[in-house]
Amino acid sequence: MNRKTRALLLNMLVLPGLGQLYLGRKVVGIVLIMIINLLLLLALFMLLRGASPLIAAKVSSGGISTEEIVTALDSVAGFGKALLAAVVAVWVFAIFDILKSRDEA
């Protein structure tokens, strides 16, 4: 297995940007990893923002049903879809960036 194939597998299966780091393209790799981490942190923040009123209301009264969680998260569903699309776009960019790289060794 050559270096480009390993880099492609790292990008596809582990973390976008890791393949670029493996090939020595440090700036691109670090930027991609930072973007992915920021998008995931933003998704976690939005998830907590959507569910926190429900959690706060139910702390003393007992359990939370699945339907209540889904209803509470409806307010941030559109933003969640946009974040998912951004993560997929960065992931696809990282894969195509490896494919177009000239490193064949």
N, C-alpha and C. Protein backbone atom coordinates (compact mmCIF):
# COMPACT_ATOMS: atom_id res chain seq x y z
N MET A 1 0.85 -1.18 0.00
CA MET A 1 0.00 0.00 0.00
C MET A 1 0.90 1.24 0.00
N ASN A 2 0.67 2.14 -0.95
CA ASN A 2 1.51 3.32 -1.03
C ASN A 2 1.04 4.41 -0.07
N ARG A 3 1.84 5.46 0.04
CA ARG A 3 1.55 6.55 0.99
C ARG A 3 0.23 7.25 0.68
N LYS A 4 -0.06 7.45 -0.58
CA LYS A 4 -1.29 8.15 -0.96
C LYS A 4 -2.52 7.34 -0.54
N THR A 5 -2.46 6.02 -0.71
CA THR A 5 -3.58 5.17 -0.30
C THR A 5 -3.75 5.20 1.22
N ARG A 6 -2.66 5.15 1.96
CA ARG A 6 -2.74 5.24 3.42
C ARG A 6 -3.33 6.59 3.85
N ALA A 7 -2.88 7.65 3.20
CA ALA A 7 -3.40 8.99 3.52
C ALA A 7 -4.89 9.06 3.22
N LEU A 8 -5.30 8.47 2.11
CA LEU A 8 -6.72 8.46 1.75
C LEU A 8 -7.54 7.70 2.78
N LEU A 9 -7.04 6.56 3.23
CA LEU A 9 -7.74 5.78 4.25
C LEU A 9 -7.81 6.53 5.58
N LEU A 10 -6.74 7.23 5.94
CA LEU A 10 -6.75 8.03 7.17
C LEU A 10 -7.83 9.11 7.09
N ASN A 11 -7.94 9.76 5.93
CA ASN A 11 -8.96 10.81 5.74
C ASN A 11 -10.36 10.24 5.76
N MET A 12 -10.54 9.08 5.15
CA MET A 12 -11.88 8.51 5.02
C MET A 12 -12.36 7.86 6.31
N LEU A 13 -11.48 7.19 7.03
CA LEU A 13 -11.91 6.36 8.15
C LEU A 13 -11.59 6.92 9.52
N VAL A 14 -10.62 7.81 9.63
CA VAL A 14 -10.23 8.29 10.95
C VAL A 14 -10.64 9.75 11.15
N LEU A 15 -10.02 10.67 10.42
CA LEU A 15 -10.28 12.09 10.63
C LEU A 15 -9.86 12.86 9.39
N PRO A 16 -10.75 13.66 8.82
CA PRO A 16 -10.35 14.49 7.69
C PRO A 16 -9.20 15.42 8.09
N GLY A 17 -8.17 15.44 7.29
CA GLY A 17 -6.98 16.24 7.57
C GLY A 17 -5.81 15.40 8.03
N LEU A 18 -6.09 14.22 8.56
CA LEU A 18 -5.01 13.36 9.04
C LEU A 18 -4.16 12.84 7.88
N GLY A 19 -4.79 12.59 6.76
CA GLY A 19 -4.06 12.15 5.58
C GLY A 19 -3.12 13.22 5.06
N GLN A 20 -3.56 14.47 5.11
CA GLN A 20 -2.69 15.57 4.70
C GLN A 20 -1.48 15.67 5.64
N LEU A 21 -1.71 15.50 6.92
CA LEU A 21 -0.58 15.51 7.86
C LEU A 21 0.37 14.36 7.57
N TYR A 22 -0.17 13.20 7.25
CA TYR A 22 0.65 12.03 6.93
C TYR A 22 1.53 12.28 5.71
N LEU A 23 1.00 13.04 4.75
CA LEU A 23 1.77 13.34 3.54
C LEU A 23 2.71 14.53 3.73
N GLY A 24 2.69 15.15 4.92
CA GLY A 24 3.58 16.28 5.18
C GLY A 24 2.98 17.62 4.84
N ARG A 25 1.72 17.67 4.51
CA ARG A 25 1.04 18.94 4.19
C ARG A 25 0.41 19.46 5.47
N LYS A 26 1.26 19.99 6.34
CA LYS A 26 0.87 20.32 7.71
C LYS A 26 -0.19 21.41 7.79
N VAL A 27 -0.05 22.46 7.02
CA VAL A 27 -0.99 23.59 7.12
C VAL A 27 -2.40 23.15 6.73
N VAL A 28 -2.52 22.46 5.60
CA VAL A 28 -3.84 22.01 5.15
C VAL A 28 -4.42 21.01 6.15
N GLY A 29 -3.61 20.08 6.63
CA GLY A 29 -4.08 19.09 7.58
C GLY A 29 -4.57 19.70 8.88
N ILE A 30 -3.81 20.64 9.42
CA ILE A 30 -4.19 21.29 10.67
C ILE A 30 -5.46 22.12 10.48
N VAL A 31 -5.56 22.83 9.36
CA VAL A 31 -6.77 23.64 9.10
C VAL A 31 -8.00 22.73 8.99
N LEU A 32 -7.89 21.62 8.28
CA LEU A 32 -9.02 20.71 8.14
C LEU A 32 -9.43 20.11 9.48
N ILE A 33 -8.46 19.71 10.28
CA ILE A 33 -8.76 19.16 11.60
C ILE A 33 -9.42 20.21 12.49
N MET A 34 -8.93 21.44 12.43
CA MET A 34 -9.54 22.51 13.22
C MET A 34 -10.98 22.78 12.78
N ILE A 35 -11.22 22.80 11.48
CA ILE A 35 -12.57 23.05 10.98
C ILE A 35 -13.52 21.94 11.43
N ILE A 36 -13.10 20.68 11.30
CA ILE A 36 -13.94 19.56 11.71
C ILE A 36 -14.23 19.64 13.21
N ASN A 37 -13.20 19.92 14.02
CA ASN A 37 -13.41 20.02 15.46
C ASN A 37 -14.35 21.17 15.82
N LEU A 38 -14.20 22.30 15.16
CA LEU A 38 -15.10 23.42 15.43
C LEU A 38 -16.54 23.10 15.04
N LEU A 39 -16.73 22.44 13.92
CA LEU A 39 -18.08 22.05 13.51
C LEU A 39 -18.71 21.06 14.49
N LEU A 40 -17.92 20.11 14.97
CA LEU A 40 -18.44 19.14 15.93
C LEU A 40 -18.76 19.80 17.27
N LEU A 41 -17.91 20.73 17.71
CA LEU A 41 -18.21 21.45 18.95
C LEU A 41 -19.46 22.31 18.80
N LEU A 42 -19.62 22.94 17.65
CA LEU A 42 -20.81 23.73 17.40
C LEU A 42 -22.06 22.85 17.39
N ALA A 43 -21.95 21.65 16.82
CA ALA A 43 -23.08 20.72 16.82
C ALA A 43 -23.44 20.31 18.24
N LEU A 44 -22.44 20.04 19.06
CA LEU A 44 -22.69 19.68 20.46
C LEU A 44 -23.34 20.83 21.20
N PHE A 45 -22.86 22.04 20.97
CA PHE A 45 -23.46 23.22 21.61
C PHE A 45 -24.92 23.37 21.21
N MET A 46 -25.22 23.22 19.93
CA MET A 46 -26.60 23.37 19.47
C MET A 46 -27.48 22.26 20.02
N LEU A 47 -26.96 21.06 20.13
CA LEU A 47 -27.72 19.96 20.71
C LEU A 47 -28.06 20.25 22.17
N LEU A 48 -27.08 20.71 22.91
CA LEU A 48 -27.32 21.05 24.32
C LEU A 48 -28.26 22.24 24.45
N ARG A 49 -28.14 23.20 23.55
CA ARG A 49 -29.01 24.37 23.58
C ARG A 49 -30.46 23.98 23.33
N GLY A 50 -30.66 23.05 22.43
CA GLY A 50 -32.02 22.61 22.13
C GLY A 50 -32.62 21.74 23.22
N ALA A 51 -31.80 20.93 23.88
CA ALA A 51 -32.32 20.00 24.88
C ALA A 51 -32.29 20.55 26.30
N SER A 52 -31.54 21.61 26.55
CA SER A 52 -31.39 22.09 27.93
C SER A 52 -32.69 22.54 28.60
N PRO A 53 -33.62 23.22 27.90
CA PRO A 53 -34.87 23.57 28.58
C PRO A 53 -35.65 22.34 29.05
N LEU A 54 -35.65 21.31 28.23
CA LEU A 54 -36.34 20.08 28.59
C LEU A 54 -35.67 19.40 29.78
N ILE A 55 -34.35 19.34 29.74
CA ILE A 55 -33.60 18.71 30.84
C ILE A 55 -33.83 19.48 32.13
N ALA A 56 -33.79 20.80 32.06
CA ALA A 56 -33.99 21.62 33.26
C ALA A 56 -35.40 21.43 33.82
N ALA A 57 -36.37 21.30 32.96
CA ALA A 57 -37.75 21.14 33.43
C ALA A 57 -38.00 19.77 34.03
N LYS A 58 -37.27 18.77 33.57
CA LYS A 58 -37.52 17.39 34.00
C LYS A 58 -36.58 16.89 35.10
N VAL A 59 -35.64 17.70 35.54
CA VAL A 59 -34.67 17.26 36.54
C VAL A 59 -35.37 16.76 37.80
N SER A 60 -36.34 17.50 38.27
CA SER A 60 -36.99 17.13 39.52
C SER A 60 -38.18 16.19 39.33
N SER A 61 -38.76 16.18 38.14
CA SER A 61 -39.99 15.41 37.98
C SER A 61 -39.78 13.97 37.50
N GLY A 62 -38.61 13.61 37.07
CA GLY A 62 -38.41 12.22 36.66
C GLY A 62 -37.79 12.10 35.28
N GLY A 63 -38.10 11.00 34.60
CA GLY A 63 -37.47 10.66 33.34
C GLY A 63 -37.96 11.48 32.17
N ILE A 64 -37.19 11.39 31.09
CA ILE A 64 -37.50 12.09 29.85
C ILE A 64 -37.74 11.05 28.78
N SER A 65 -38.83 11.17 28.06
CA SER A 65 -39.10 10.21 26.99
C SER A 65 -38.40 10.62 25.71
N THR A 66 -38.28 9.66 24.82
CA THR A 66 -37.64 9.91 23.53
C THR A 66 -38.41 10.94 22.72
N GLU A 67 -39.72 10.87 22.78
CA GLU A 67 -40.56 11.80 22.03
C GLU A 67 -40.34 13.24 22.51
N GLU A 68 -40.17 13.41 23.81
CA GLU A 68 -39.94 14.75 24.35
C GLU A 68 -38.60 15.31 23.87
N ILE A 69 -37.60 14.46 23.81
CA ILE A 69 -36.28 14.90 23.34
C ILE A 69 -36.37 15.31 21.87
N VAL A 70 -37.02 14.49 21.06
CA VAL A 70 -37.16 14.79 19.63
C VAL A 70 -37.91 16.11 19.43
N THR A 71 -38.96 16.31 20.19
CA THR A 71 -39.72 17.55 20.09
C THR A 71 -38.88 18.75 20.50
N ALA A 72 -38.09 18.60 21.56
CA ALA A 72 -37.24 19.69 22.02
C ALA A 72 -36.16 20.04 21.00
N LEU A 73 -35.68 19.04 20.27
CA LEU A 73 -34.60 19.28 19.30
C LEU A 73 -35.12 19.76 17.95
N ASP A 74 -36.43 19.77 17.75
CA ASP A 74 -36.99 20.27 16.49
C ASP A 74 -36.60 21.72 16.21
N SER A 75 -36.41 22.50 17.27
CA SER A 75 -36.07 23.92 17.08
C SER A 75 -34.68 24.12 16.48
N VAL A 76 -33.80 23.15 16.63
CA VAL A 76 -32.44 23.29 16.09
C VAL A 76 -32.17 22.29 14.96
N ALA A 77 -33.22 21.64 14.46
CA ALA A 77 -33.05 20.61 13.43
C ALA A 77 -32.47 21.16 12.13
N GLY A 78 -32.94 22.33 11.70
CA GLY A 78 -32.43 22.91 10.46
C GLY A 78 -30.96 23.25 10.55
N PHE A 79 -30.57 23.82 11.68
CA PHE A 79 -29.16 24.15 11.88
C PHE A 79 -28.32 22.88 11.96
N GLY A 80 -28.88 21.84 12.56
CA GLY A 80 -28.17 20.56 12.64
C GLY A 80 -27.92 19.97 11.27
N LYS A 81 -28.91 20.07 10.40
CA LYS A 81 -28.74 19.58 9.02
C LYS A 81 -27.68 20.37 8.28
N ALA A 82 -27.65 21.68 8.51
CA ALA A 82 -26.62 22.51 7.88
C ALA A 82 -25.23 22.14 8.38
N LEU A 83 -25.12 21.88 9.68
CA LEU A 83 -23.83 21.46 10.23
C LEU A 83 -23.39 20.12 9.67
N LEU A 84 -24.33 19.20 9.55
CA LEU A 84 -24.00 17.89 8.97
C LEU A 84 -23.53 18.04 7.53
N ALA A 85 -24.19 18.90 6.78
CA ALA A 85 -23.77 19.16 5.39
C ALA A 85 -22.37 19.75 5.35
N ALA A 86 -22.04 20.64 6.29
CA ALA A 86 -20.71 21.25 6.34
C ALA A 86 -19.65 20.21 6.66
N VAL A 87 -19.95 19.31 7.60
CA VAL A 87 -18.99 18.26 7.95
C VAL A 87 -18.75 17.35 6.75
N VAL A 88 -19.81 16.98 6.06
CA VAL A 88 -19.68 16.12 4.87
C VAL A 88 -18.88 16.85 3.79
N ALA A 89 -19.12 18.14 3.61
CA ALA A 89 -18.38 18.90 2.60
C ALA A 89 -16.89 18.95 2.92
N VAL A 90 -16.54 19.15 4.17
CA VAL A 90 -15.12 19.17 4.55
C VAL A 90 -14.52 17.79 4.36
N TRP A 91 -15.24 16.75 4.71
CA TRP A 91 -14.77 15.38 4.56
C TRP A 91 -14.52 15.07 3.08
N VAL A 92 -15.46 15.42 2.22
CA VAL A 92 -15.30 15.18 0.78
C VAL A 92 -14.14 16.00 0.22
N PHE A 93 -14.01 17.25 0.67
CA PHE A 93 -12.87 18.06 0.22
C PHE A 93 -11.55 17.41 0.61
N ALA A 94 -11.46 16.91 1.83
CA ALA A 94 -10.22 16.27 2.29
C ALA A 94 -9.88 15.06 1.44
N ILE A 95 -10.89 14.29 1.07
CA ILE A 95 -10.66 13.10 0.23
C ILE A 95 -10.19 13.51 -1.17
N PHE A 96 -10.89 14.48 -1.78
CA PHE A 96 -10.50 14.91 -3.11
C PHE A 96 -9.14 15.62 -3.11
N ASP A 97 -8.81 16.28 -2.02
CA ASP A 97 -7.51 16.92 -1.91
C ASP A 97 -6.38 15.88 -1.93
N ILE A 98 -6.59 14.76 -1.28
CA ILE A 98 -5.61 13.67 -1.32
C ILE A 98 -5.55 13.07 -2.73
N LEU A 99 -6.70 12.87 -3.34
CA LEU A 99 -6.73 12.27 -4.67
C LEU A 99 -6.02 13.14 -5.70
N LYS A 100 -6.11 14.47 -5.58
CA LYS A 100 -5.46 15.34 -6.56
C LYS A 100 -4.00 15.64 -6.21
N SER A 101 -3.55 15.21 -5.03
CA SER A 101 -2.17 15.50 -4.65
C SER A 101 -1.21 14.72 -5.55
N ARG A 102 -0.02 15.22 -5.66
CA ARG A 102 0.97 14.62 -6.56
C ARG A 102 1.84 13.58 -5.87
N ASP A 103 1.63 13.36 -4.60
CA ASP A 103 2.46 12.42 -3.85
C ASP A 103 2.08 10.98 -4.23
N GLU A 104 2.95 10.30 -4.92
CA GLU A 104 2.70 8.93 -5.36
C GLU A 104 3.55 7.91 -4.62
N ALA A 105 4.50 8.37 -3.82
CA ALA A 105 5.43 7.44 -3.16
C ALA A 105 4.76 6.63 -2.09
